[in-house]
Amino acid sequence: MSEEAFVSNQKVKLKNGEEVVLPPLTLKKILLVTKSVSVFVDEVKKHLPNLVQDIDSLGDTSTSSTHTLSIGAKIIESLPSILPVVIEQLIDVIATYLGKEKEWVLDNMDMEDLVNVAGPFFLVILSQGNILAAGVNKALTSLNPPK
C-alpha cells in the first residue's frame, strides 16, 4: 500500500491565525472515526427513526416525486434537531484526528475551520477505502480467476 494515503502533512490556517498540521492518519484513528460514525448513525436513528426509513425508500424506483419532495421537507424540518448531533460528532472526530482536546477544538475553531480540516481528512479515509477495496478485489480474483 502506498504511504501517501496514510500521510497528509497538509497545513490548515485557522481563523484565529493558528496553523495546524494534519497528522498522518493511522489505523487507530481510522477505527476511532469509524466508531464515531457508528455513534452518529445510531443518534440519527434515535432522533429521527421515520426519516431514516424515508431516506432508505429513496432508492425504490417506484417512489413518486411527491414522496421525494416530502422527504426533502422532512430533512429540512429535522435540521434543528440533528445538526447539533452532526456538529458534536464532527468535533469529536477532528479532536481525535488532531490529537487535541475537544475543548481546544471548541475554543479555537469555527465551522469553516472544521470543514477545512474535515475535508482532507475524509478524502484520505476514502482513498484508503479505495486502496483496501482494490486489494480485496485483487485477492478475490486470484482465488477465483475469471474463466
Protein backbone atom coordinates (compact mmCIF):
# COMPACT_ATOMS: atom_id res chain seq x y z
CA MET A 1 0.00 0.00 0.00
CA SER A 2 1.12 3.49 -0.73
CA GLU A 3 2.25 5.56 2.23
CA GLU A 4 0.72 8.63 0.55
CA ALA A 5 -2.71 7.52 1.73
CA PHE A 6 -1.54 7.48 5.33
CA VAL A 7 0.34 10.78 5.42
CA SER A 8 -1.14 14.21 4.95
CA ASN A 9 1.28 16.85 6.31
CA GLN A 10 -1.04 19.47 4.86
CA LYS A 11 -1.25 22.69 6.85
CA VAL A 12 -4.53 24.42 7.57
CA LYS A 13 -4.58 28.01 8.80
CA LEU A 14 -7.39 28.56 11.29
CA LYS A 15 -9.43 31.74 11.54
CA ASN A 16 -7.61 32.61 14.77
CA GLY A 17 -4.33 32.68 12.82
CA GLU A 18 -3.00 29.44 14.26
CA GLU A 19 -1.75 26.84 11.80
CA VAL A 20 -2.38 23.14 12.34
CA VAL A 21 -0.63 20.33 10.51
CA LEU A 22 -2.89 17.48 9.54
CA PRO A 23 -1.10 14.49 11.10
CA PRO A 24 -0.58 11.09 9.48
CA LEU A 25 -3.79 9.11 9.50
CA THR A 26 -3.12 5.91 11.42
CA LEU A 27 -5.28 2.82 11.55
CA LYS A 28 -6.09 3.64 15.18
CA LYS A 29 -7.51 7.00 14.12
CA ILE A 30 -9.48 5.39 11.29
CA LEU A 31 -11.02 2.95 13.79
CA LEU A 32 -11.91 5.80 16.14
CA VAL A 33 -13.59 7.64 13.26
CA THR A 34 -15.49 4.52 12.25
CA LYS A 35 -16.79 4.19 15.80
CA SER A 36 -17.74 7.86 15.82
CA VAL A 37 -19.65 7.49 12.55
CA SER A 38 -21.45 4.47 14.01
CA VAL A 39 -22.45 6.55 17.05
CA PHE A 40 -23.63 9.29 14.68
CA VAL A 41 -25.84 6.88 12.71
CA ASP A 42 -27.29 5.49 15.95
CA GLU A 43 -28.04 9.05 17.14
CA VAL A 44 -29.78 9.89 13.86
CA LYS A 45 -31.88 6.74 14.11
CA LYS A 46 -32.74 7.55 17.72
CA HIS A 47 -33.76 11.15 16.98
CA LEU A 48 -35.38 10.64 13.61
CA PRO A 49 -36.41 6.99 13.09
CA ASN A 50 -39.08 7.76 10.48
CA LEU A 51 -36.74 10.00 8.50
CA VAL A 52 -34.17 7.18 8.21
CA GLN A 53 -36.86 4.89 6.78
CA ASP A 54 -37.98 7.60 4.36
CA ILE A 55 -34.40 8.20 3.17
CA ASP A 56 -33.94 4.45 2.66
CA SER A 57 -37.06 4.45 0.47
CA LEU A 58 -35.44 6.93 -1.95
CA GLY A 59 -33.64 4.01 -3.60
CA ASP A 60 -37.01 2.50 -4.54
CA THR A 61 -37.67 3.21 -8.23
CA SER A 62 -41.41 3.30 -7.59
CA THR A 63 -41.03 6.29 -5.26
CA SER A 64 -43.04 9.24 -6.55
CA SER A 65 -41.63 12.73 -6.95
CA THR A 66 -44.19 13.94 -4.37
CA HIS A 67 -42.81 11.44 -1.88
CA THR A 68 -39.27 12.59 -2.64
CA LEU A 69 -40.26 16.25 -2.07
CA SER A 70 -41.92 15.23 1.19
CA ILE A 71 -38.68 13.60 2.35
CA GLY A 72 -36.75 16.77 1.42
CA ALA A 73 -39.15 18.81 3.55
CA LYS A 74 -38.72 16.37 6.46
CA ILE A 75 -34.95 16.65 6.20
CA ILE A 76 -35.14 20.45 6.33
CA GLU A 77 -37.55 20.27 9.29
CA SER A 78 -35.22 17.89 11.13
CA LEU A 79 -32.09 20.05 10.74
CA PRO A 80 -32.54 21.92 14.06
CA SER A 81 -32.61 18.65 15.99
CA ILE A 82 -29.99 16.71 14.03
CA LEU A 83 -27.46 19.49 13.29
CA PRO A 84 -26.14 19.64 16.88
CA VAL A 85 -25.60 15.85 16.75
CA VAL A 86 -23.68 16.16 13.47
CA ILE A 87 -21.53 19.02 14.73
CA GLU A 88 -20.82 17.25 18.04
CA GLN A 89 -19.69 14.10 16.23
CA LEU A 90 -17.55 16.09 13.80
CA ILE A 91 -15.89 17.91 16.72
CA ASP A 92 -15.10 14.55 18.35
CA VAL A 93 -13.62 13.20 15.12
CA ILE A 94 -11.49 16.30 14.48
CA ALA A 95 -10.25 16.42 18.09
CA THR A 96 -9.21 12.77 17.86
CA TYR A 97 -7.56 13.28 14.47
CA LEU A 98 -5.62 16.37 15.51
CA GLY A 99 -4.69 14.89 18.89
CA LYS A 100 -6.29 17.86 20.63
CA GLU A 101 -8.78 18.05 23.46
CA LYS A 102 -12.39 18.62 22.46
CA GLU A 103 -12.30 21.91 24.38
CA TRP A 104 -9.38 23.10 22.22
CA VAL A 105 -11.42 22.46 19.08
CA LEU A 106 -14.42 24.28 20.55
CA ASP A 107 -12.30 27.26 21.65
CA ASN A 108 -10.09 27.60 18.56
CA MET A 109 -12.10 26.51 15.54
CA ASP A 110 -15.21 27.76 13.79
CA MET A 111 -17.41 25.93 11.26
CA GLU A 112 -15.20 26.91 8.33
CA ASP A 113 -12.14 25.58 10.18
CA LEU A 114 -13.95 22.31 10.85
CA VAL A 115 -14.75 21.92 7.17
CA ASN A 116 -11.20 22.84 6.13
CA VAL A 117 -9.78 20.13 8.39
CA ALA A 118 -12.52 17.54 7.85
CA GLY A 119 -12.41 17.75 4.03
CA PRO A 120 -8.85 16.48 3.54
CA PHE A 121 -9.29 14.09 6.45
CA PHE A 122 -12.29 12.33 4.90
CA LEU A 123 -10.67 12.36 1.44
CA VAL A 124 -7.74 10.42 2.90
CA ILE A 125 -10.13 7.93 4.51
CA LEU A 126 -11.96 7.47 1.19
CA SER A 127 -8.70 6.96 -0.68
CA GLN A 128 -7.66 4.34 1.86
CA GLY A 129 -11.04 2.65 1.44
CA ASN A 130 -10.43 2.52 -2.31
CA ILE A 131 -6.96 1.03 -1.75
CA LEU A 132 -8.44 -1.59 0.60
CA ALA A 133 -11.25 -2.43 -1.83
CA ALA A 134 -8.77 -2.82 -4.70
CA GLY A 135 -6.64 -5.16 -2.58
CA VAL A 136 -9.65 -7.26 -1.61
CA ASN A 137 -10.81 -7.42 -5.25
CA LYS A 138 -7.33 -8.49 -6.35
CA ALA A 139 -7.22 -11.19 -3.68
CA LEU A 140 -10.68 -12.48 -4.59
CA THR A 141 -9.82 -12.51 -8.29
CA SER A 142 -6.69 -14.55 -7.62
CA LEU A 143 -8.80 -17.08 -5.67
CA ASN A 144 -11.43 -17.35 -8.40
CA PRO A 145 -9.83 -16.32 -11.70
CA PRO A 146 -12.30 -15.44 -14.49
CA LYS A 147 -12.88 -18.27 -16.97
